[in-house]
């Protein structure tokens, strides 16, 4: 495959940022099958931000010839208090339920390596953790705690300071060329790139995916648009949603990272999260109640789902089915076209919601069918006490 096509596959939605595209090009020039990893804490039920968005991007990686690894971060989950801090339960859930989520969506063991973190933690790994810790400051480590889904203002255990150094060490222990995560993990990737030369390593290419917004939308999280423009300097990738935003908050104590964490889809808020094995009825119900005001495109989670799932490749159209009396079927060929028509009122919110719900229900059917036959993997996690932030 042509290298530029490989770059296009890695960079397309839901990718939001690549650091750097030129380094990615060099990686493909030097490696026929570069190694990749994305790591996950093992906690409650998997929503579409974890399961679907990751699967879509890993399938892009596979098509580009990348060798992916899904890293089941059991010790990280333990440090962050997931599943009640029960390490045995965390490992069982990781190797059972969590792995099954990706298997059911087409990422089986013949295509993707599944690695349990503690299986590779040896003396050499812990030496890397110490070397990374020695190369940065406590203040920098505390700023990186946003990667745990927590703000600097929250009470956290002292072990949390180890978390960023461990995550950076994971990259080097796995010897990967591409480190992949959501935008919320950006800080630790920058840490890994910064310390890599000190460890005699080449900095990894960092691929950051868009964080799916919760169905409640931004306003109900206490975040509102205003006339103040916040410019975030980050290298963009072709076709990515602009990082420059016009936004402030009604909670002035929220900084950029806090606002990002507040607005993203969270497994701890089941009414605003779409789980990968939700029933078709549940998907339709949740989307039916979602924030989707007429004419509003920015901060609209349904517009976002249409862009990042249905229209993400730039070539597959979205067909909105409507009765003839309401104009008949509408073929949407791009995100720009969707935004323009919706902003002008030519697409009704209910029609958009029905279209997105039907597409997601169909896309998630293999996962839903699998877990309907393996309910024993899901039921222990339906306990509210098992669903942690």
Protein backbone atom coordinates (compact mmCIF):
# COMPACT_ATOMS: atom_id res chain seq x y z
CA UNK A 1 0.00 0.00 0.00
CA UNK A 2 1.15 3.53 -0.78
CA UNK A 3 2.60 5.26 2.31
CA UNK A 4 0.38 8.30 1.88
CA UNK A 5 -2.68 6.04 1.95
CA UNK A 6 -1.40 4.46 5.17
CA UNK A 7 -1.01 7.92 6.69
CA UNK A 8 -4.53 8.81 5.57
CA UNK A 9 -5.92 5.71 7.31
CA UNK A 10 -4.16 6.50 10.59
CA UNK A 11 -5.15 10.18 10.46
CA UNK A 12 -8.83 9.91 9.57
CA UNK A 13 -11.58 10.19 12.17
CA UNK A 14 -11.79 9.43 15.01
CA UNK A 15 -8.13 10.53 15.04
CA UNK A 16 -7.92 14.16 16.09
CA UNK A 17 -4.18 14.69 16.28
CA UNK A 18 -0.93 12.99 15.23
CA UNK A 19 2.42 14.04 16.66
CA UNK A 20 3.89 14.20 14.18
CA UNK A 21 2.63 13.34 10.70
CA UNK A 22 6.18 13.57 9.34
CA UNK A 23 7.40 11.11 11.98
CA UNK A 24 4.52 8.81 11.06
CA UNK A 25 5.65 8.95 7.41
CA UNK A 26 9.19 8.11 8.48
CA UNK A 27 7.88 5.20 10.56
CA UNK A 28 6.11 3.69 7.56
CA UNK A 29 9.24 4.19 5.48
CA UNK A 30 11.32 2.25 8.00
CA UNK A 31 8.82 -0.41 9.14
CA UNK A 32 6.57 -2.58 6.99
CA UNK A 33 4.52 -3.42 10.07
CA UNK A 34 5.15 -0.86 12.83
CA UNK A 35 4.02 -1.84 16.31
CA UNK A 36 1.21 0.02 17.98
CA UNK A 37 -0.44 -0.02 21.38
CA UNK A 38 -3.47 1.41 23.10
CA UNK A 39 -3.94 0.84 26.82
CA UNK A 40 -7.11 0.63 28.88
CA UNK A 41 -7.95 0.63 32.52
CA UNK A 42 -10.25 -2.23 33.43
CA UNK A 43 -13.39 -0.80 34.99
CA UNK A 44 -17.14 -0.97 34.43
CA UNK A 45 -19.17 -1.50 31.28
CA UNK A 46 -17.56 -0.43 28.00
CA UNK A 47 -19.21 2.47 26.18
CA UNK A 48 -18.84 3.30 22.49
CA UNK A 49 -15.95 5.69 23.12
CA UNK A 50 -13.92 2.75 24.42
CA UNK A 51 -15.27 -0.10 22.32
CA UNK A 52 -16.55 1.25 19.01
CA UNK A 53 -14.20 4.20 18.44
CA UNK A 54 -11.15 2.10 19.34
CA UNK A 55 -12.27 -0.72 17.07
CA UNK A 56 -12.79 1.64 14.12
CA UNK A 57 -9.29 3.08 14.51
CA UNK A 58 -7.58 -0.27 15.08
CA UNK A 59 -9.22 -1.57 11.89
CA UNK A 60 -7.70 1.45 10.12
CA UNK A 61 -4.34 0.54 11.63
CA UNK A 62 -4.65 -3.06 10.48
CA UNK A 63 -5.48 -1.93 6.95
CA UNK A 64 -2.36 0.26 7.03
CA UNK A 65 -0.23 -2.75 7.97
CA UNK A 66 0.24 -1.79 11.62
CA UNK A 67 0.54 -4.57 14.23
CA UNK A 68 -1.75 -3.49 17.10
CA UNK A 69 -1.66 -4.32 20.80
CA UNK A 70 -4.51 -3.78 23.24
CA UNK A 71 -2.91 -3.34 26.64
CA UNK A 72 -5.03 -4.43 29.60
CA UNK A 73 -3.70 -2.19 32.34
CA UNK A 74 -4.46 -4.10 35.52
CA UNK A 75 -2.02 -2.37 37.87
CA UNK A 76 -3.06 1.04 36.56
CA UNK A 77 -6.68 0.13 37.26
CA UNK A 78 -5.70 -0.96 40.77
CA UNK A 79 -3.90 2.33 41.46
CA UNK A 80 -6.93 4.28 40.22
CA UNK A 81 -9.33 2.33 42.46
CA UNK A 82 -11.27 0.63 39.66
CA UNK A 83 -13.59 -2.27 40.52
CA UNK A 84 -13.12 -1.53 44.19
CA UNK A 85 -9.35 -1.96 43.90
CA UNK A 86 -9.81 -5.75 43.69
CA UNK A 87 -6.80 -6.80 41.61
CA UNK A 88 -8.06 -10.35 41.03
CA UNK A 89 -11.41 -9.04 39.80
CA UNK A 90 -9.67 -6.48 37.60
CA UNK A 91 -7.58 -9.19 35.92
CA UNK A 92 -10.53 -11.54 35.51
CA UNK A 93 -12.60 -8.74 33.97
CA UNK A 94 -9.78 -7.69 31.67
CA UNK A 95 -9.13 -11.17 30.29
CA UNK A 96 -12.85 -12.01 30.20
CA UNK A 97 -15.36 -9.22 29.60
CA UNK A 98 -13.02 -6.53 28.30
CA UNK A 99 -11.21 -8.74 25.81
CA UNK A 100 -14.57 -10.14 24.66
CA UNK A 101 -15.78 -6.62 23.81
CA UNK A 102 -13.08 -6.28 21.18
CA UNK A 103 -13.25 -9.91 20.03
CA UNK A 104 -16.98 -9.55 19.40
CA UNK A 105 -16.38 -6.48 17.23
CA UNK A 106 -13.93 -8.28 14.96
CA UNK A 107 -10.61 -7.78 16.73
CA UNK A 108 -9.67 -11.37 17.45
CA UNK A 109 -6.36 -12.79 18.61
CA UNK A 110 -5.19 -13.46 15.06
CA UNK A 111 -5.23 -9.72 14.36
CA UNK A 112 -4.47 -8.04 17.68
CA UNK A 113 -2.18 -8.88 20.60
CA UNK A 114 -3.87 -8.66 24.00
CA UNK A 115 -1.32 -8.06 26.76
CA UNK A 116 -2.03 -7.98 30.49
CA UNK A 117 0.21 -5.32 32.00
CA UNK A 118 1.44 -7.32 34.98
CA UNK A 119 2.58 -10.15 32.68
CA UNK A 120 5.39 -7.97 31.32
CA UNK A 121 6.38 -6.11 34.47
CA UNK A 122 9.88 -7.30 35.34
CA UNK A 123 12.95 -5.70 36.91
CA UNK A 124 13.84 -3.96 33.66
CA UNK A 125 10.38 -2.42 33.49
CA UNK A 126 10.52 -1.04 37.03
CA UNK A 127 14.00 0.35 36.29
CA UNK A 128 12.41 2.29 33.41
CA UNK A 129 9.71 3.62 35.77
CA UNK A 130 12.42 4.91 38.13
CA UNK A 131 14.43 6.42 35.25
CA UNK A 132 11.36 8.25 33.95
CA UNK A 133 10.47 9.45 37.47
CA UNK A 134 14.01 10.75 37.89
CA UNK A 135 13.70 12.67 34.62
CA UNK A 136 10.69 14.79 35.57
CA UNK A 137 9.22 16.71 38.51
CA UNK A 138 6.43 16.04 40.97
CA UNK A 139 4.54 19.04 39.57
CA UNK A 140 4.73 17.57 36.07
CA UNK A 141 3.51 14.19 37.33
CA UNK A 142 0.58 15.84 39.09
CA UNK A 143 -0.39 17.65 35.91
CA UNK A 144 -0.39 14.26 34.18
CA UNK A 145 -2.97 12.85 36.60
CA UNK A 146 -5.62 14.09 34.13
CA UNK A 147 -4.83 10.86 32.24
CA UNK A 148 -6.52 9.03 35.12
CA UNK A 149 -9.77 10.89 34.51
CA UNK A 150 -9.14 13.04 37.56
CA UNK A 151 -8.31 16.67 38.14
CA UNK A 152 -5.45 18.04 40.23
CA UNK A 153 -8.03 19.29 42.73
CA UNK A 154 -9.31 15.82 43.59
CA UNK A 155 -7.95 13.85 46.52
CA UNK A 156 -5.76 11.09 45.08
CA UNK A 157 -3.44 8.54 46.65
CA UNK A 158 0.30 9.11 46.50
CA UNK A 159 0.57 6.03 44.27
CA UNK A 160 -1.07 8.12 41.54
CA UNK A 161 2.24 9.91 41.03
CA UNK A 162 3.63 6.60 39.76
CA UNK A 163 0.84 6.23 37.22
CA UNK A 164 2.19 8.55 34.46
CA UNK A 165 5.71 7.09 34.77
CA UNK A 166 4.28 3.58 34.49
CA UNK A 167 2.24 4.48 31.42
CA UNK A 168 5.27 6.02 29.74
CA UNK A 169 7.31 2.94 30.67
CA UNK A 170 4.63 0.73 29.07
CA UNK A 171 5.42 2.33 25.70
CA UNK A 172 9.11 1.48 26.00
CA UNK A 173 8.54 -2.00 27.46
CA UNK A 174 6.28 -2.90 24.51
CA UNK A 175 8.84 -1.40 22.09
CA UNK A 176 6.15 0.27 19.96
CA UNK A 177 6.54 2.89 17.29
CA UNK A 178 2.99 4.25 17.62
CA UNK A 179 1.34 5.16 20.94
CA UNK A 180 -2.42 5.51 20.56
CA UNK A 181 -4.95 6.93 23.05
CA UNK A 182 -7.69 9.50 23.50
CA UNK A 183 -6.92 13.22 23.71
CA UNK A 184 -7.12 12.92 27.49
CA UNK A 185 -3.87 10.90 27.41
CA UNK A 186 -1.91 13.56 25.55
CA UNK A 187 0.13 14.73 28.52
CA UNK A 188 1.65 11.32 29.22
CA UNK A 189 2.53 10.82 25.57
CA UNK A 190 4.35 14.15 25.64
CA UNK A 191 6.15 12.96 28.76
CA UNK A 192 7.19 9.74 27.00
CA UNK A 193 8.42 11.64 23.95
CA UNK A 194 10.36 14.04 26.15
CA UNK A 195 12.17 11.38 28.18
CA UNK A 196 12.73 8.92 25.32
CA UNK A 197 16.15 10.29 24.29
CA UNK A 198 17.33 10.14 27.90
CA UNK A 199 16.53 6.41 27.87
CA UNK A 200 18.20 5.86 24.52
CA UNK A 201 14.82 5.42 22.82
CA UNK A 202 13.24 7.02 19.77
CA UNK A 203 10.17 9.07 20.69
CA UNK A 204 6.98 7.27 19.70
CA UNK A 205 4.54 8.74 17.21
CA UNK A 206 1.52 9.82 19.26
CA UNK A 207 -1.95 9.26 17.77
CA UNK A 208 -4.76 10.89 19.73
CA UNK A 209 -8.42 10.09 19.17
CA UNK A 210 -11.40 12.38 19.67
CA UNK A 211 -13.21 11.94 22.98
CA UNK A 212 -16.87 11.14 22.40
CA UNK A 213 -19.19 13.60 24.11
CA UNK A 214 -21.76 12.39 26.61
CA UNK A 215 -25.34 12.38 25.36
CA UNK A 216 -26.22 15.14 27.83
CA UNK A 217 -24.27 17.65 25.72
CA UNK A 218 -22.08 20.43 27.10
CA UNK A 219 -24.65 22.77 28.67
CA UNK A 220 -25.98 20.27 31.19
CA UNK A 221 -22.43 19.59 32.33
CA UNK A 222 -22.11 23.28 33.26
CA UNK A 223 -20.14 24.20 30.15
CA UNK A 224 -21.55 26.84 27.82
CA UNK A 225 -20.38 28.53 24.67
CA UNK A 226 -19.46 32.19 24.83
CA UNK A 227 -17.68 34.78 22.74
CA UNK A 228 -14.24 34.15 24.23
CA UNK A 229 -11.93 32.23 21.90
CA UNK A 230 -9.48 29.75 23.42
CA UNK A 231 -6.73 28.76 20.99
CA UNK A 232 -5.00 25.48 21.75
CA UNK A 233 -1.78 25.07 19.77
CA UNK A 234 -1.64 21.50 18.54
CA UNK A 235 -0.58 19.90 15.28
CA UNK A 236 -3.68 19.09 13.26
CA UNK A 237 -4.25 16.19 10.91
CA UNK A 238 -6.10 16.33 7.59
CA UNK A 239 -9.85 16.28 8.08
CA UNK A 240 -9.70 16.63 11.88
CA UNK A 241 -12.16 18.77 13.81
CA UNK A 242 -10.48 22.05 14.67
CA UNK A 243 -8.97 22.23 18.14
CA UNK A 244 -9.40 26.01 18.30
CA UNK A 245 -12.62 26.52 20.21
CA UNK A 246 -14.89 29.37 21.16
CA UNK A 247 -15.78 28.36 24.67
CA UNK A 248 -15.71 29.36 28.31
CA UNK A 249 -17.35 27.74 31.28
CA UNK A 250 -19.91 28.75 33.85
CA UNK A 251 -17.67 26.98 36.33
CA UNK A 252 -14.55 29.19 36.16
CA UNK A 253 -12.52 26.73 38.23
CA UNK A 254 -12.50 24.33 35.27
CA UNK A 255 -9.34 24.48 33.16
CA UNK A 256 -9.09 23.00 29.66
CA UNK A 257 -8.44 19.44 30.89
CA UNK A 258 -11.19 19.59 33.51
CA UNK A 259 -13.69 20.76 30.89
CA UNK A 260 -12.65 17.98 28.53
CA UNK A 261 -13.09 15.36 31.26
CA UNK A 262 -16.44 16.82 32.34
CA UNK A 263 -17.95 16.66 28.87
CA UNK A 264 -16.80 13.24 27.66
CA UNK A 265 -18.95 10.13 27.71
CA UNK A 266 -18.57 8.34 31.04
CA UNK A 267 -19.48 4.80 32.04
CA UNK A 268 -20.42 6.13 35.47
CA UNK A 269 -23.36 8.06 33.95
CA UNK A 270 -25.40 5.28 32.31
CA UNK A 271 -28.21 7.55 31.15
CA UNK A 272 -25.77 9.59 29.02
CA UNK A 273 -23.53 6.75 27.82
CA UNK A 274 -24.14 4.25 25.03
CA UNK A 275 -22.75 0.86 26.05
CA UNK A 276 -21.51 -1.41 23.28
CA UNK A 277 -24.01 -4.15 24.16
CA UNK A 278 -27.05 -1.95 24.80
CA UNK A 279 -30.24 -3.30 23.24
CA UNK A 280 -31.59 -1.64 20.11
CA UNK A 281 -34.50 -0.33 22.18
CA UNK A 282 -32.11 1.17 24.74
CA UNK A 283 -30.00 2.81 22.04
CA UNK A 284 -33.06 4.42 20.50
CA UNK A 285 -34.34 5.54 23.89
CA UNK A 286 -31.05 7.11 24.99
CA UNK A 287 -30.52 8.89 21.70
CA UNK A 288 -34.14 9.99 21.70
CA UNK A 289 -33.52 11.79 25.01
CA UNK A 290 -30.12 13.17 24.01
CA UNK A 291 -29.23 16.83 23.74
CA UNK A 292 -29.81 17.79 20.09
CA UNK A 293 -31.35 21.27 19.75
CA UNK A 294 -32.63 22.30 16.33
CA UNK A 295 -30.08 24.28 14.33
CA UNK A 296 -27.25 23.80 16.84
CA UNK A 297 -24.23 21.91 15.51
CA UNK A 298 -21.44 22.78 17.95
CA UNK A 299 -21.58 20.78 21.17
CA UNK A 300 -24.26 18.53 19.68
CA UNK A 301 -23.49 14.87 20.55
CA UNK A 302 -25.75 13.48 17.80
CA UNK A 303 -24.05 15.58 15.12
CA UNK A 304 -20.75 14.37 16.55
CA UNK A 305 -21.75 10.69 16.37
CA UNK A 306 -22.84 11.15 12.75
CA UNK A 307 -19.51 12.74 11.89
CA UNK A 308 -17.24 10.33 13.74
CA UNK A 309 -19.05 7.07 13.01
CA UNK A 310 -21.16 7.31 9.86
CA UNK A 311 -19.34 9.97 7.83
CA UNK A 312 -15.85 9.42 9.15
CA UNK A 313 -14.19 8.11 5.96
CA UNK A 314 -15.33 11.05 3.84
CA UNK A 315 -16.75 8.77 1.13
CA UNK A 316 -19.62 6.84 2.73
CA UNK A 317 -22.84 8.90 2.66
CA UNK A 318 -25.41 9.04 5.42
CA UNK A 319 -28.97 8.51 4.23
CA UNK A 320 -31.68 10.17 6.33
CA UNK A 321 -34.95 8.39 5.65
CA UNK A 322 -37.98 10.68 5.68
CA UNK A 323 -41.58 10.42 4.48
CA UNK A 324 -42.25 12.08 1.14
CA UNK A 325 -44.38 14.74 2.84
CA UNK A 326 -41.28 15.86 4.75
CA UNK A 327 -39.06 15.97 1.69
CA UNK A 328 -38.20 12.29 1.21
CA UNK A 329 -34.84 10.63 1.77
CA UNK A 330 -31.85 12.94 2.15
CA UNK A 331 -28.33 11.88 1.16
CA UNK A 332 -25.62 13.52 3.28
CA UNK A 333 -22.21 13.23 1.63
CA UNK A 334 -19.95 14.98 4.15
CA UNK A 335 -19.69 16.49 7.62
CA UNK A 336 -19.72 19.97 6.10
CA UNK A 337 -22.96 19.20 4.30
CA UNK A 338 -24.52 17.77 7.48
CA UNK A 339 -23.55 20.82 9.52
CA UNK A 340 -24.79 23.26 6.88
CA UNK A 341 -28.16 21.58 6.42
CA UNK A 342 -28.72 21.06 10.14
CA UNK A 343 -27.75 24.63 11.03
CA UNK A 344 -30.18 25.94 8.39
CA UNK A 345 -33.04 23.86 9.82
CA UNK A 346 -33.34 21.58 6.78
CA UNK A 347 -32.81 18.48 8.94
CA UNK A 348 -35.18 17.88 11.84
CA UNK A 349 -33.56 16.64 15.10
CA UNK A 350 -35.85 13.62 15.23
CA UNK A 351 -34.84 12.51 11.72
CA UNK A 352 -31.17 12.85 12.61
CA UNK A 353 -31.63 10.96 15.87
CA UNK A 354 -33.50 8.12 14.17
CA UNK A 355 -30.78 7.79 11.53
CA UNK A 356 -27.91 7.75 14.02
CA UNK A 357 -29.72 5.34 16.35
CA UNK A 358 -30.43 2.90 13.51
CA UNK A 359 -26.82 2.99 12.33
CA UNK A 360 -25.39 2.42 15.81
CA UNK A 361 -27.86 -0.38 16.55
CA UNK A 362 -26.78 -2.14 13.37
CA UNK A 363 -23.05 -1.52 13.90
CA UNK A 364 -23.14 -2.82 17.47
CA UNK A 365 -25.26 -5.90 16.68
CA UNK A 366 -22.34 -8.40 16.70
CA UNK A 367 -21.32 -7.22 20.17
CA UNK A 368 -24.91 -7.23 21.44
CA UNK A 369 -25.49 -10.73 20.07
CA UNK A 370 -22.29 -12.07 21.63
CA UNK A 371 -23.07 -10.80 25.10
CA UNK A 372 -26.65 -11.99 24.92
CA UNK A 373 -25.11 -15.47 24.78
CA UNK A 374 -22.43 -14.72 27.39
CA UNK A 375 -24.39 -12.76 29.98
CA UNK A 376 -22.15 -14.15 32.73
CA UNK A 377 -19.40 -11.77 31.55
CA UNK A 378 -21.63 -8.70 31.85
CA UNK A 379 -23.80 -9.28 34.90
CA UNK A 380 -21.07 -8.82 37.57
CA UNK A 381 -20.42 -5.34 36.13
CA UNK A 382 -24.05 -4.23 36.20
CA UNK A 383 -23.73 -3.71 39.94
CA UNK A 384 -23.51 0.06 40.41
CA UNK A 385 -20.62 -0.45 42.81
CA UNK A 386 -18.62 -1.98 39.98
CA UNK A 387 -19.01 1.03 37.71
CA UNK A 388 -16.35 3.50 38.75
CA UNK A 389 -15.24 6.74 37.26
